């Protein structure tokens, strides 16, 4: 995988996706299951995120944002760059635009090679569509100060080791605390929708 090119990734994402079976490995136990028809009745908002592969020191990395702390259900969480779809744009455009706004990577530097299964997020009533992109040239990051606390660059190899998955206690409110499966990077948990997306990504890569 170290010497993979964008064409190698493209071949991976032309295969059938593992879908919910892979996603649920990193889903919280309390997560409710909804059928597509039930989700449709909720009329969820639509968002897109970008899973951006790029090389640093000859090793593939992924980039994440740690959200600012605010009064909201996703406060302080670690996620892929992305956000809500705007009127007049398709979801690929949403993922690229939001990535540029949040971490400063121009769409011109990203080659989209595929997508993963969408994820429904009950607490915020969002359906999130993940796209996979490759940066074949050198990139630099500039965070959006009002939304992003920090940019996190994590080697892909970290997510391919099951040793980095651990049950982690997450405090949802003053009175509610749950243990959830998480990728724990330098004592920071990556959980929820981001971990669910990563779980399917890992399954795709492991089944190459």
N, C-alpha and C. Protein backbone atom coordinates (compact mmCIF):
# COMPACT_ATOMS: atom_id res chain seq x y z
N UNK A 1 0.82 -1.20 0.00
CA UNK A 1 0.00 0.00 0.00
C UNK A 1 0.86 1.26 0.00
N UNK A 2 2.07 1.16 0.51
CA UNK A 2 2.95 2.31 0.61
C UNK A 2 3.19 2.98 -0.73
N UNK A 3 3.32 2.18 -1.78
CA UNK A 3 3.64 2.73 -3.10
C UNK A 3 2.42 2.82 -4.02
N UNK A 4 1.24 2.75 -3.45
CA UNK A 4 0.03 2.82 -4.25
C UNK A 4 -0.09 4.15 -4.96
N UNK A 5 -0.71 4.10 -6.15
CA UNK A 5 -1.03 5.30 -6.91
C UNK A 5 -2.55 5.47 -6.90
N UNK A 6 -3.02 6.59 -7.43
CA UNK A 6 -4.45 6.85 -7.42
C UNK A 6 -5.23 5.77 -8.16
N UNK A 7 -4.64 5.20 -9.21
CA UNK A 7 -5.32 4.14 -9.97
C UNK A 7 -5.56 2.90 -9.12
N UNK A 8 -4.66 2.64 -8.18
CA UNK A 8 -4.84 1.50 -7.27
C UNK A 8 -6.05 1.71 -6.37
N UNK A 9 -6.21 2.93 -5.88
CA UNK A 9 -7.36 3.24 -5.04
C UNK A 9 -8.65 3.17 -5.85
N UNK A 10 -8.61 3.64 -7.07
CA UNK A 10 -9.80 3.61 -7.92
C UNK A 10 -10.33 2.19 -8.09
N UNK A 11 -9.41 1.23 -8.26
CA UNK A 11 -9.82 -0.16 -8.43
C UNK A 11 -10.52 -0.68 -7.17
N UNK A 12 -10.04 -0.25 -6.00
CA UNK A 12 -10.66 -0.69 -4.74
C UNK A 12 -12.11 -0.27 -4.66
N UNK A 13 -12.38 0.98 -5.04
CA UNK A 13 -13.72 1.53 -4.84
C UNK A 13 -14.66 1.23 -5.98
N UNK A 14 -14.21 0.45 -6.94
CA UNK A 14 -15.10 -0.05 -7.98
C UNK A 14 -15.77 -1.36 -7.55
N UNK A 15 -15.24 -1.94 -6.48
CA UNK A 15 -15.81 -3.19 -5.96
C UNK A 15 -17.03 -2.89 -5.09
N UNK A 16 -17.91 -3.86 -4.88
CA UNK A 16 -19.05 -3.65 -3.98
C UNK A 16 -18.57 -3.29 -2.57
N UNK A 17 -19.24 -2.36 -1.94
CA UNK A 17 -18.85 -1.92 -0.60
C UNK A 17 -19.37 -2.87 0.47
N UNK A 18 -18.63 -3.03 1.57
CA UNK A 18 -19.10 -3.91 2.65
C UNK A 18 -20.30 -3.35 3.39
N UNK A 19 -20.50 -2.04 3.37
CA UNK A 19 -21.71 -1.43 3.91
C UNK A 19 -21.89 -1.56 5.40
N UNK A 20 -23.16 -1.74 5.79
CA UNK A 20 -23.54 -1.69 7.20
C UNK A 20 -22.81 -2.72 8.06
N UNK A 21 -22.57 -3.89 7.50
CA UNK A 21 -21.89 -4.94 8.28
C UNK A 21 -20.55 -4.45 8.80
N UNK A 22 -19.79 -3.74 7.97
CA UNK A 22 -18.50 -3.19 8.39
C UNK A 22 -18.70 -1.97 9.27
N UNK A 23 -19.67 -1.14 8.96
CA UNK A 23 -19.90 0.08 9.74
C UNK A 23 -20.22 -0.23 11.20
N UNK A 24 -21.05 -1.24 11.42
CA UNK A 24 -21.54 -1.52 12.77
C UNK A 24 -20.45 -1.97 13.74
N UNK A 25 -19.31 -2.38 13.22
CA UNK A 25 -18.21 -2.80 14.11
C UNK A 25 -17.73 -1.65 14.98
N UNK A 26 -17.92 -0.43 14.52
CA UNK A 26 -17.49 0.72 15.31
C UNK A 26 -18.66 1.61 15.72
N UNK A 27 -19.86 1.08 15.66
CA UNK A 27 -21.03 1.85 16.07
C UNK A 27 -21.28 1.68 17.56
N UNK A 28 -21.67 2.74 18.26
CA UNK A 28 -22.01 2.60 19.69
C UNK A 28 -23.14 1.61 19.89
N UNK A 29 -23.10 0.88 21.00
CA UNK A 29 -24.13 -0.13 21.27
C UNK A 29 -25.51 0.48 21.39
N UNK A 30 -25.57 1.75 21.84
CA UNK A 30 -26.87 2.38 22.02
C UNK A 30 -27.46 2.93 20.72
N UNK A 31 -26.68 2.85 19.65
CA UNK A 31 -27.13 3.43 18.38
C UNK A 31 -28.36 2.71 17.85
N UNK A 32 -29.42 3.45 17.62
CA UNK A 32 -30.65 2.85 17.10
C UNK A 32 -30.47 2.50 15.62
N UNK A 33 -31.15 1.45 15.20
CA UNK A 33 -31.10 1.04 13.80
C UNK A 33 -32.38 1.49 13.10
N UNK A 34 -32.22 2.13 11.96
CA UNK A 34 -33.37 2.61 11.21
C UNK A 34 -33.33 2.05 9.80
N UNK A 35 -34.49 1.71 9.28
CA UNK A 35 -34.58 1.27 7.90
C UNK A 35 -34.51 2.50 6.99
N UNK A 36 -34.15 2.31 5.72
CA UNK A 36 -34.12 3.46 4.79
C UNK A 36 -35.44 4.22 4.75
N UNK A 37 -36.55 3.51 4.83
CA UNK A 37 -37.86 4.18 4.78
C UNK A 37 -38.09 5.02 6.04
N UNK A 38 -37.61 4.53 7.19
CA UNK A 38 -37.75 5.30 8.43
C UNK A 38 -36.91 6.57 8.36
N UNK A 39 -35.69 6.43 7.86
CA UNK A 39 -34.81 7.59 7.75
C UNK A 39 -35.41 8.62 6.81
N UNK A 40 -36.00 8.16 5.73
CA UNK A 40 -36.61 9.08 4.76
C UNK A 40 -37.72 9.91 5.41
N UNK A 41 -38.46 9.29 6.32
CA UNK A 41 -39.55 10.01 7.00
C UNK A 41 -39.01 11.13 7.89
N UNK A 42 -37.77 10.97 8.38
CA UNK A 42 -37.17 12.01 9.22
C UNK A 42 -36.74 13.23 8.42
N UNK A 43 -36.75 13.09 7.07
CA UNK A 43 -36.31 14.18 6.19
C UNK A 43 -34.95 14.74 6.64
N UNK A 44 -33.92 13.90 6.68
CA UNK A 44 -32.64 14.36 7.21
C UNK A 44 -31.97 15.40 6.34
N UNK A 45 -31.19 16.26 6.99
CA UNK A 45 -30.32 17.16 6.25
C UNK A 45 -29.22 16.32 5.61
N UNK A 46 -28.61 16.86 4.56
CA UNK A 46 -27.62 16.09 3.81
C UNK A 46 -26.27 16.78 3.88
N UNK A 47 -25.23 15.98 4.12
CA UNK A 47 -23.87 16.51 4.20
C UNK A 47 -22.92 15.56 3.49
N UNK A 48 -21.73 16.05 3.20
CA UNK A 48 -20.69 15.23 2.58
C UNK A 48 -19.36 15.51 3.26
N UNK A 49 -18.54 14.48 3.35
CA UNK A 49 -17.20 14.62 3.92
C UNK A 49 -16.18 14.05 2.95
N UNK A 50 -14.93 14.44 3.13
CA UNK A 50 -13.85 13.96 2.27
C UNK A 50 -12.84 13.16 3.09
N UNK A 51 -12.61 11.93 2.66
CA UNK A 51 -11.52 11.11 3.19
C UNK A 51 -10.34 11.36 2.26
N UNK A 52 -9.39 12.15 2.73
CA UNK A 52 -8.30 12.60 1.87
C UNK A 52 -7.01 11.83 2.17
N UNK A 53 -6.56 11.05 1.18
CA UNK A 53 -5.29 10.34 1.26
C UNK A 53 -4.19 11.24 0.70
N UNK A 54 -3.10 11.35 1.43
CA UNK A 54 -1.94 12.09 0.92
C UNK A 54 -0.69 11.50 1.57
N UNK A 55 0.42 11.70 0.90
CA UNK A 55 1.68 11.13 1.41
C UNK A 55 2.48 12.16 2.19
N UNK A 56 3.00 11.69 3.30
CA UNK A 56 3.89 12.49 4.13
C UNK A 56 5.02 11.57 4.58
N UNK A 57 6.25 11.96 4.29
CA UNK A 57 7.40 11.11 4.60
C UNK A 57 7.24 9.71 4.01
N UNK A 58 6.75 9.68 2.77
CA UNK A 58 6.57 8.43 2.01
C UNK A 58 5.53 7.49 2.60
N UNK A 59 4.67 8.00 3.47
CA UNK A 59 3.64 7.16 4.08
C UNK A 59 2.28 7.82 3.88
N UNK A 60 1.28 7.01 3.55
CA UNK A 60 -0.06 7.54 3.37
C UNK A 60 -0.65 8.01 4.69
N UNK A 61 -1.27 9.18 4.66
CA UNK A 61 -1.92 9.75 5.84
C UNK A 61 -3.37 10.11 5.51
N UNK A 62 -4.16 10.32 6.57
CA UNK A 62 -5.50 10.88 6.47
C UNK A 62 -5.55 12.14 7.32
N UNK A 63 -6.38 13.09 6.93
CA UNK A 63 -6.48 14.35 7.68
C UNK A 63 -7.87 14.47 8.30
N UNK A 64 -7.89 14.98 9.54
CA UNK A 64 -9.12 15.15 10.30
C UNK A 64 -9.15 16.55 10.90
N UNK A 65 -10.35 16.96 11.29
CA UNK A 65 -10.48 18.20 12.04
C UNK A 65 -11.04 17.89 13.42
N UNK A 66 -10.54 18.60 14.41
CA UNK A 66 -11.15 18.55 15.74
C UNK A 66 -12.02 19.79 15.87
N UNK A 67 -13.30 19.59 16.08
CA UNK A 67 -14.23 20.71 16.13
C UNK A 67 -13.98 21.59 17.35
N UNK A 68 -14.37 22.83 17.24
CA UNK A 68 -14.34 23.73 18.38
C UNK A 68 -15.37 23.26 19.41
N UNK A 69 -15.19 23.67 20.66
CA UNK A 69 -16.18 23.37 21.69
C UNK A 69 -17.33 24.37 21.58
N UNK A 70 -18.55 23.85 21.52
CA UNK A 70 -19.71 24.71 21.40
C UNK A 70 -20.92 23.98 21.97
N UNK A 71 -22.04 24.66 22.06
CA UNK A 71 -23.24 24.03 22.58
C UNK A 71 -23.93 23.27 21.44
N UNK A 72 -23.56 22.04 21.27
CA UNK A 72 -24.12 21.23 20.19
C UNK A 72 -23.72 19.79 20.37
N UNK A 73 -24.39 18.89 19.64
CA UNK A 73 -24.20 17.46 19.85
C UNK A 73 -22.84 16.97 19.36
N UNK A 74 -22.18 17.72 18.49
CA UNK A 74 -20.90 17.26 17.96
C UNK A 74 -19.72 18.10 18.47
N UNK A 75 -19.93 18.80 19.56
CA UNK A 75 -18.90 19.66 20.12
C UNK A 75 -17.61 18.90 20.41
N UNK A 76 -16.49 19.43 19.93
CA UNK A 76 -15.18 18.87 20.25
C UNK A 76 -14.84 17.57 19.57
N UNK A 77 -15.73 17.05 18.73
CA UNK A 77 -15.48 15.74 18.11
C UNK A 77 -14.46 15.84 16.98
N UNK A 78 -13.84 14.71 16.69
CA UNK A 78 -12.89 14.61 15.58
C UNK A 78 -13.64 14.05 14.38
N UNK A 79 -13.48 14.70 13.24
CA UNK A 79 -14.25 14.30 12.06
C UNK A 79 -13.43 14.53 10.79
N UNK A 80 -13.93 13.99 9.70
CA UNK A 80 -13.37 14.32 8.39
C UNK A 80 -13.82 15.72 8.01
N UNK A 81 -13.03 16.44 7.22
CA UNK A 81 -13.51 17.73 6.73
C UNK A 81 -14.77 17.54 5.89
N UNK A 82 -15.74 18.41 6.10
CA UNK A 82 -16.98 18.29 5.36
C UNK A 82 -18.07 19.11 6.01
N UNK A 83 -19.26 19.05 5.43
CA UNK A 83 -20.37 19.82 5.98
C UNK A 83 -21.62 19.71 5.14
N UNK A 84 -22.55 20.60 5.42
CA UNK A 84 -23.89 20.55 4.83
C UNK A 84 -23.88 20.95 3.35
N UNK A 85 -24.67 20.23 2.58
CA UNK A 85 -24.82 20.52 1.16
C UNK A 85 -25.56 21.84 0.98
N UNK A 86 -25.06 22.65 0.04
CA UNK A 86 -25.72 23.91 -0.28
C UNK A 86 -26.55 23.77 -1.54
N UNK A 87 -27.51 24.65 -1.70
CA UNK A 87 -28.39 24.61 -2.86
C UNK A 87 -27.57 24.80 -4.14
N UNK A 88 -27.84 23.93 -5.12
CA UNK A 88 -27.19 24.07 -6.42
C UNK A 88 -25.91 23.30 -6.59
N UNK A 89 -25.46 22.58 -5.56
CA UNK A 89 -24.23 21.81 -5.70
C UNK A 89 -24.51 20.32 -5.49
N UNK A 90 -23.73 19.47 -6.17
CA UNK A 90 -23.85 18.04 -5.91
C UNK A 90 -22.97 17.70 -4.71
N UNK A 91 -23.08 16.46 -4.24
CA UNK A 91 -22.41 16.09 -2.99
C UNK A 91 -20.89 16.07 -3.12
N UNK A 92 -20.38 15.74 -4.30
CA UNK A 92 -18.93 15.80 -4.51
C UNK A 92 -18.44 17.24 -4.35
N UNK A 93 -19.18 18.17 -4.89
CA UNK A 93 -18.82 19.58 -4.77
C UNK A 93 -18.88 20.02 -3.31
N UNK A 94 -19.87 19.51 -2.58
CA UNK A 94 -19.98 19.83 -1.15
C UNK A 94 -18.73 19.39 -0.40
N UNK A 95 -18.32 18.15 -0.62
CA UNK A 95 -17.14 17.61 0.08
C UNK A 95 -15.88 18.43 -0.23
N UNK A 96 -15.70 18.79 -1.48
CA UNK A 96 -14.52 19.54 -1.89
C UNK A 96 -14.56 20.98 -1.37
N UNK A 97 -15.74 21.61 -1.46
CA UNK A 97 -15.87 22.99 -0.98
C UNK A 97 -15.61 23.07 0.52
N UNK A 98 -16.24 22.18 1.27
CA UNK A 98 -16.08 22.20 2.72
C UNK A 98 -14.64 21.90 3.14
N UNK A 99 -13.99 21.02 2.40
CA UNK A 99 -12.58 20.72 2.69
C UNK A 99 -11.72 21.95 2.49
N UNK A 100 -11.98 22.68 1.41
CA UNK A 100 -11.23 23.91 1.16
C UNK A 100 -11.49 24.93 2.27
N UNK A 101 -12.75 25.07 2.67
CA UNK A 101 -13.09 26.05 3.69
C UNK A 101 -12.50 25.69 5.06
N UNK A 102 -12.51 24.40 5.40
CA UNK A 102 -12.10 23.99 6.74
C UNK A 102 -10.60 23.81 6.90
N UNK A 103 -9.93 23.27 5.86
CA UNK A 103 -8.50 22.99 6.01
C UNK A 103 -7.63 23.58 4.89
N UNK A 104 -8.24 24.33 3.98
CA UNK A 104 -7.46 25.08 3.00
C UNK A 104 -6.90 24.31 1.84
N UNK A 105 -7.40 23.10 1.57
CA UNK A 105 -6.91 22.30 0.44
C UNK A 105 -7.78 22.58 -0.78
N UNK A 106 -7.19 23.11 -1.84
CA UNK A 106 -7.94 23.46 -3.04
C UNK A 106 -8.48 22.21 -3.74
N UNK A 107 -9.71 22.28 -4.26
CA UNK A 107 -10.27 21.16 -5.02
C UNK A 107 -9.39 20.74 -6.19
N UNK A 108 -8.62 21.68 -6.74
CA UNK A 108 -7.74 21.36 -7.88
C UNK A 108 -6.66 20.35 -7.52
N UNK A 109 -6.37 20.19 -6.22
CA UNK A 109 -5.31 19.29 -5.78
C UNK A 109 -5.84 17.91 -5.40
N UNK A 110 -7.15 17.73 -5.50
CA UNK A 110 -7.77 16.48 -5.04
C UNK A 110 -8.36 15.72 -6.23
N UNK A 111 -8.00 14.46 -6.35
CA UNK A 111 -8.60 13.57 -7.35
C UNK A 111 -9.56 12.62 -6.64
N UNK A 112 -10.83 12.75 -6.92
CA UNK A 112 -11.82 11.87 -6.30
C UNK A 112 -11.76 10.49 -6.96
N UNK A 113 -11.68 9.44 -6.12
CA UNK A 113 -11.51 8.08 -6.65
C UNK A 113 -12.63 7.14 -6.24
N UNK A 114 -13.55 7.61 -5.42
CA UNK A 114 -14.63 6.72 -5.00
C UNK A 114 -15.42 7.29 -3.84
N UNK A 115 -16.25 6.45 -3.27
CA UNK A 115 -17.08 6.86 -2.14
C UNK A 115 -17.35 5.65 -1.26
N UNK A 116 -17.88 5.92 -0.07
CA UNK A 116 -18.28 4.86 0.85
C UNK A 116 -19.78 4.98 1.11
N UNK A 117 -20.31 4.03 1.86
CA UNK A 117 -21.74 4.03 2.17
C UNK A 117 -22.08 5.23 3.05
N UNK A 118 -23.26 5.79 2.82
CA UNK A 118 -23.63 6.94 3.64
C UNK A 118 -24.01 6.50 5.05
N UNK A 119 -23.95 7.44 5.97
CA UNK A 119 -24.21 7.17 7.39
C UNK A 119 -25.28 8.13 7.88
N UNK A 120 -26.28 7.59 8.57
CA UNK A 120 -27.30 8.44 9.19
C UNK A 120 -26.89 8.74 10.62
N UNK A 121 -26.97 10.02 11.01
CA UNK A 121 -26.58 10.44 12.36
C UNK A 121 -27.83 10.92 13.09
N UNK A 122 -28.41 10.09 13.95
CA UNK A 122 -29.68 10.44 14.60
C UNK A 122 -29.64 11.73 15.44
N UNK A 123 -28.60 11.97 16.27
CA UNK A 123 -28.66 13.15 17.15
C UNK A 123 -28.82 14.47 16.40
N UNK A 124 -28.22 14.58 15.21
CA UNK A 124 -28.32 15.83 14.46
C UNK A 124 -29.19 15.70 13.21
N UNK A 125 -29.74 14.49 12.99
CA UNK A 125 -30.61 14.20 11.83
C UNK A 125 -29.92 14.57 10.52
N UNK A 126 -28.73 14.04 10.33
CA UNK A 126 -27.96 14.24 9.09
C UNK A 126 -27.71 12.89 8.43
N UNK A 127 -27.79 12.86 7.12
CA UNK A 127 -27.26 11.75 6.33
C UNK A 127 -25.95 12.24 5.72
N UNK A 128 -24.87 11.54 6.03
CA UNK A 128 -23.53 11.97 5.61
C UNK A 128 -23.00 11.03 4.53
N UNK A 129 -22.52 11.63 3.44
CA UNK A 129 -22.00 10.87 2.31
C UNK A 129 -20.48 11.06 2.23
N UNK A 130 -19.71 9.98 2.44
CA UNK A 130 -18.25 10.10 2.42
C UNK A 130 -17.67 9.86 1.02
N UNK A 131 -16.80 10.77 0.58
CA UNK A 131 -16.09 10.62 -0.68
C UNK A 131 -14.60 10.43 -0.39
N UNK A 132 -13.95 9.69 -1.28
CA UNK A 132 -12.53 9.38 -1.12
C UNK A 132 -11.74 10.14 -2.16
N UNK A 133 -10.71 10.84 -1.70
CA UNK A 133 -9.88 11.61 -2.61
C UNK A 133 -8.40 11.36 -2.37
N UNK A 134 -7.61 11.59 -3.42
CA UNK A 134 -6.16 11.43 -3.35
C UNK A 134 -5.51 12.76 -3.71
N UNK A 135 -4.53 13.16 -2.92
CA UNK A 135 -3.70 14.31 -3.28
C UNK A 135 -2.38 13.76 -3.81
N UNK A 136 -2.16 13.88 -5.10
CA UNK A 136 -0.95 13.32 -5.72
C UNK A 136 0.23 14.27 -5.69
N UNK A 137 -0.01 15.50 -5.25
CA UNK A 137 1.08 16.47 -5.13
C UNK A 137 1.12 16.98 -3.69
N UNK A 138 2.14 17.72 -3.36
CA UNK A 138 2.32 18.20 -1.99
C UNK A 138 1.20 19.18 -1.62
N UNK A 139 0.68 19.03 -0.42
CA UNK A 139 -0.37 19.93 0.04
C UNK A 139 0.01 20.50 1.40
N UNK A 140 -0.60 21.62 1.73
CA UNK A 140 -0.43 22.21 3.06
C UNK A 140 -1.82 22.56 3.58
N UNK A 141 -1.92 22.77 4.88
CA UNK A 141 -3.22 22.98 5.49
C UNK A 141 -3.30 24.36 6.16
N UNK A 142 -4.50 24.90 6.14
CA UNK A 142 -4.79 26.14 6.85
C UNK A 142 -6.18 26.02 7.44
N UNK A 143 -6.27 26.01 8.76
CA UNK A 143 -7.55 25.73 9.40
C UNK A 143 -8.48 26.94 9.43
N UNK A 144 -9.76 26.63 9.43
CA UNK A 144 -10.81 27.64 9.56
C UNK A 144 -10.98 27.93 11.05
N UNK A 145 -10.49 29.07 11.49
CA UNK A 145 -10.34 29.33 12.92
C UNK A 145 -11.65 29.31 13.70
N UNK A 146 -12.76 29.70 13.07
CA UNK A 146 -14.00 29.77 13.84
C UNK A 146 -14.69 28.42 14.01
N UNK A 147 -14.28 27.40 13.24
CA UNK A 147 -14.92 26.09 13.35
C UNK A 147 -13.96 24.98 13.76
N UNK A 148 -12.69 25.13 13.41
CA UNK A 148 -11.73 24.04 13.61
C UNK A 148 -10.76 24.38 14.74
N UNK A 149 -10.74 23.54 15.76
CA UNK A 149 -9.80 23.74 16.87
C UNK A 149 -8.39 23.37 16.45
N UNK A 150 -8.26 22.23 15.78
CA UNK A 150 -6.96 21.82 15.25
C UNK A 150 -7.13 20.84 14.10
N UNK A 151 -6.13 20.79 13.25
CA UNK A 151 -6.07 19.81 12.16
C UNK A 151 -5.21 18.65 12.65
N UNK A 152 -5.67 17.43 12.42
CA UNK A 152 -4.95 16.25 12.87
C UNK A 152 -4.56 15.41 11.65
N UNK A 153 -3.29 15.14 11.51
CA UNK A 153 -2.76 14.30 10.43
C UNK A 153 -2.36 12.95 11.03
N UNK A 154 -3.00 11.89 10.56
CA UNK A 154 -2.81 10.57 11.18
C UNK A 154 -2.40 9.56 10.11
N UNK A 155 -1.33 8.79 10.35
CA UNK A 155 -0.91 7.77 9.38
C UNK A 155 -2.02 6.75 9.15
N UNK A 156 -2.21 6.35 7.91
CA UNK A 156 -3.22 5.34 7.59
C UNK A 156 -2.96 4.04 8.36
N UNK A 157 -1.71 3.72 8.56
CA UNK A 157 -1.35 2.47 9.25
C UNK A 157 -1.95 2.40 10.65
N UNK A 158 -2.17 3.55 11.27
CA UNK A 158 -2.77 3.57 12.62
C UNK A 158 -4.12 2.89 12.63
N UNK A 159 -4.92 3.14 11.60
CA UNK A 159 -6.28 2.60 11.56
C UNK A 159 -6.32 1.14 11.13
N UNK A 160 -5.23 0.66 10.58
CA UNK A 160 -5.18 -0.73 10.14
C UNK A 160 -4.75 -1.68 11.24
N UNK A 161 -4.45 -1.16 12.42
CA UNK A 161 -4.07 -1.98 13.57
C UNK A 161 -5.21 -2.03 14.58
N UNK A 162 -5.71 -3.22 14.84
CA UNK A 162 -6.81 -3.38 15.80
C UNK A 162 -6.39 -2.99 17.22
N UNK A 163 -5.09 -2.91 17.46
CA UNK A 163 -4.60 -2.53 18.79
C UNK A 163 -4.97 -1.09 19.13
N UNK A 164 -5.32 -0.31 18.13
CA UNK A 164 -5.64 1.09 18.37
C UNK A 164 -7.13 1.35 18.54
N UNK A 165 -7.90 0.27 18.65
CA UNK A 165 -9.33 0.37 18.92
C UNK A 165 -9.57 -0.02 20.37
N UNK A 166 -10.31 0.83 21.09
CA UNK A 166 -10.56 0.54 22.50
C UNK A 166 -11.90 1.11 22.92
N UNK A 167 -12.61 0.43 23.83
CA UNK A 167 -13.84 1.04 24.38
C UNK A 167 -13.47 2.28 25.17
N UNK A 168 -14.20 3.34 24.94
CA UNK A 168 -13.88 4.63 25.54
C UNK A 168 -15.14 5.26 26.10
N UNK A 169 -15.04 5.83 27.30
CA UNK A 169 -16.18 6.49 27.91
C UNK A 169 -16.35 7.89 27.34
N UNK A 170 -17.55 8.15 26.85
CA UNK A 170 -17.89 9.45 26.27
C UNK A 170 -19.03 10.05 27.09
N UNK A 171 -18.84 11.29 27.51
CA UNK A 171 -19.86 11.98 28.28
C UNK A 171 -20.72 12.80 27.32
N UNK A 172 -21.97 12.38 27.14
CA UNK A 172 -22.87 13.08 26.23
C UNK A 172 -23.53 14.28 26.88
N UNK A 173 -23.67 14.23 28.19
CA UNK A 173 -24.22 15.34 28.96
C UNK A 173 -23.77 15.17 30.40
N UNK A 174 -24.20 16.05 31.27
CA UNK A 174 -23.80 15.94 32.68
C UNK A 174 -24.29 14.64 33.30
N UNK A 175 -25.40 14.13 32.81
CA UNK A 175 -26.01 12.93 33.41
C UNK A 175 -25.85 11.67 32.58
N UNK A 176 -25.36 11.80 31.36
CA UNK A 176 -25.32 10.63 30.47
C UNK A 176 -23.89 10.36 30.02
N UNK A 177 -23.44 9.13 30.27
CA UNK A 177 -22.10 8.70 29.85
C UNK A 177 -22.19 7.30 29.27
N UNK A 178 -21.53 7.08 28.13
CA UNK A 178 -21.57 5.78 27.48
C UNK A 178 -20.15 5.31 27.19
N UNK A 179 -20.01 3.99 27.08
CA UNK A 179 -18.78 3.41 26.57
C UNK A 179 -18.99 3.12 25.09
N UNK A 180 -18.11 3.64 24.25
CA UNK A 180 -18.25 3.47 22.81
C UNK A 180 -16.95 2.93 22.22
N UNK A 181 -17.03 2.19 21.10
CA UNK A 181 -15.79 1.79 20.42
C UNK A 181 -15.17 3.01 19.76
N UNK A 182 -13.85 3.14 19.88
CA UNK A 182 -13.18 4.32 19.33
C UNK A 182 -11.76 3.98 18.90
N UNK A 183 -11.29 4.70 17.90
CA UNK A 183 -9.87 4.72 17.58
C UNK A 183 -9.26 5.79 18.49
N UNK A 184 -8.29 5.42 19.28
CA UNK A 184 -7.73 6.38 20.24
C UNK A 184 -6.34 6.79 19.78
N UNK A 185 -6.24 8.03 19.33
CA UNK A 185 -4.98 8.55 18.80
C UNK A 185 -4.44 9.61 19.75
N UNK A 186 -3.30 9.32 20.34
CA UNK A 186 -2.67 10.24 21.30
C UNK A 186 -3.68 10.72 22.35
N UNK A 187 -4.39 9.74 22.89
CA UNK A 187 -5.36 9.93 23.97
C UNK A 187 -6.64 10.63 23.52
N UNK A 188 -6.79 10.88 22.22
CA UNK A 188 -8.00 11.51 21.71
C UNK A 188 -8.87 10.46 21.01
N UNK A 189 -10.13 10.30 21.43
CA UNK A 189 -11.00 9.29 20.80
C UNK A 189 -11.62 9.78 19.49
N UNK A 190 -11.59 8.91 18.50
CA UNK A 190 -12.29 9.15 17.24
C UNK A 190 -13.44 8.15 17.22
N UNK A 191 -14.64 8.65 17.36
CA UNK A 191 -15.79 7.75 17.56
C UNK A 191 -16.99 8.26 16.76
N UNK A 192 -18.13 7.60 16.96
CA UNK A 192 -19.36 8.03 16.30
C UNK A 192 -19.31 7.83 14.79
N UNK A 193 -19.88 8.78 14.06
CA UNK A 193 -19.98 8.64 12.60
C UNK A 193 -18.62 8.52 11.94
N UNK A 194 -17.62 9.25 12.46
CA UNK A 194 -16.29 9.18 11.86
C UNK A 194 -15.70 7.79 12.00
N UNK A 195 -15.85 7.19 13.18
CA UNK A 195 -15.34 5.82 13.39
C UNK A 195 -16.11 4.82 12.53
N UNK A 196 -17.40 5.05 12.36
CA UNK A 196 -18.22 4.16 11.53
C UNK A 196 -17.75 4.21 10.08
N UNK A 197 -17.47 5.41 9.58
CA UNK A 197 -16.95 5.56 8.22
C UNK A 197 -15.58 4.89 8.10
N UNK A 198 -14.73 5.13 9.09
CA UNK A 198 -13.39 4.52 9.08
C UNK A 198 -13.47 2.99 9.09
N UNK A 199 -14.44 2.46 9.80
CA UNK A 199 -14.58 1.01 9.89
C UNK A 199 -14.84 0.40 8.52
N UNK A 200 -15.69 1.05 7.74
CA UNK A 200 -15.92 0.55 6.38
C UNK A 200 -14.69 0.75 5.51
N UNK A 201 -14.02 1.90 5.67
CA UNK A 201 -12.79 2.14 4.90
C UNK A 201 -11.76 1.06 5.18
N UNK A 202 -11.56 0.72 6.44
CA UNK A 202 -10.60 -0.33 6.81
C UNK A 202 -10.98 -1.65 6.17
N UNK A 203 -12.27 -1.97 6.18
CA UNK A 203 -12.74 -3.23 5.57
C UNK A 203 -12.42 -3.26 4.08
N UNK A 204 -12.61 -2.12 3.40
CA UNK A 204 -12.28 -2.05 1.97
C UNK A 204 -10.80 -2.28 1.75
N UNK A 205 -9.96 -1.65 2.56
CA UNK A 205 -8.52 -1.77 2.39
C UNK A 205 -8.02 -3.16 2.74
N UNK A 206 -8.60 -3.76 3.72
CA UNK A 206 -8.18 -5.11 4.14
C UNK A 206 -8.59 -6.18 3.14
N UNK A 207 -9.62 -5.88 2.35
CA UNK A 207 -10.10 -6.85 1.36
C UNK A 207 -9.56 -6.57 -0.03
N UNK A 208 -8.45 -5.83 -0.10
CA UNK A 208 -7.86 -5.48 -1.40
C UNK A 208 -7.44 -6.72 -2.17
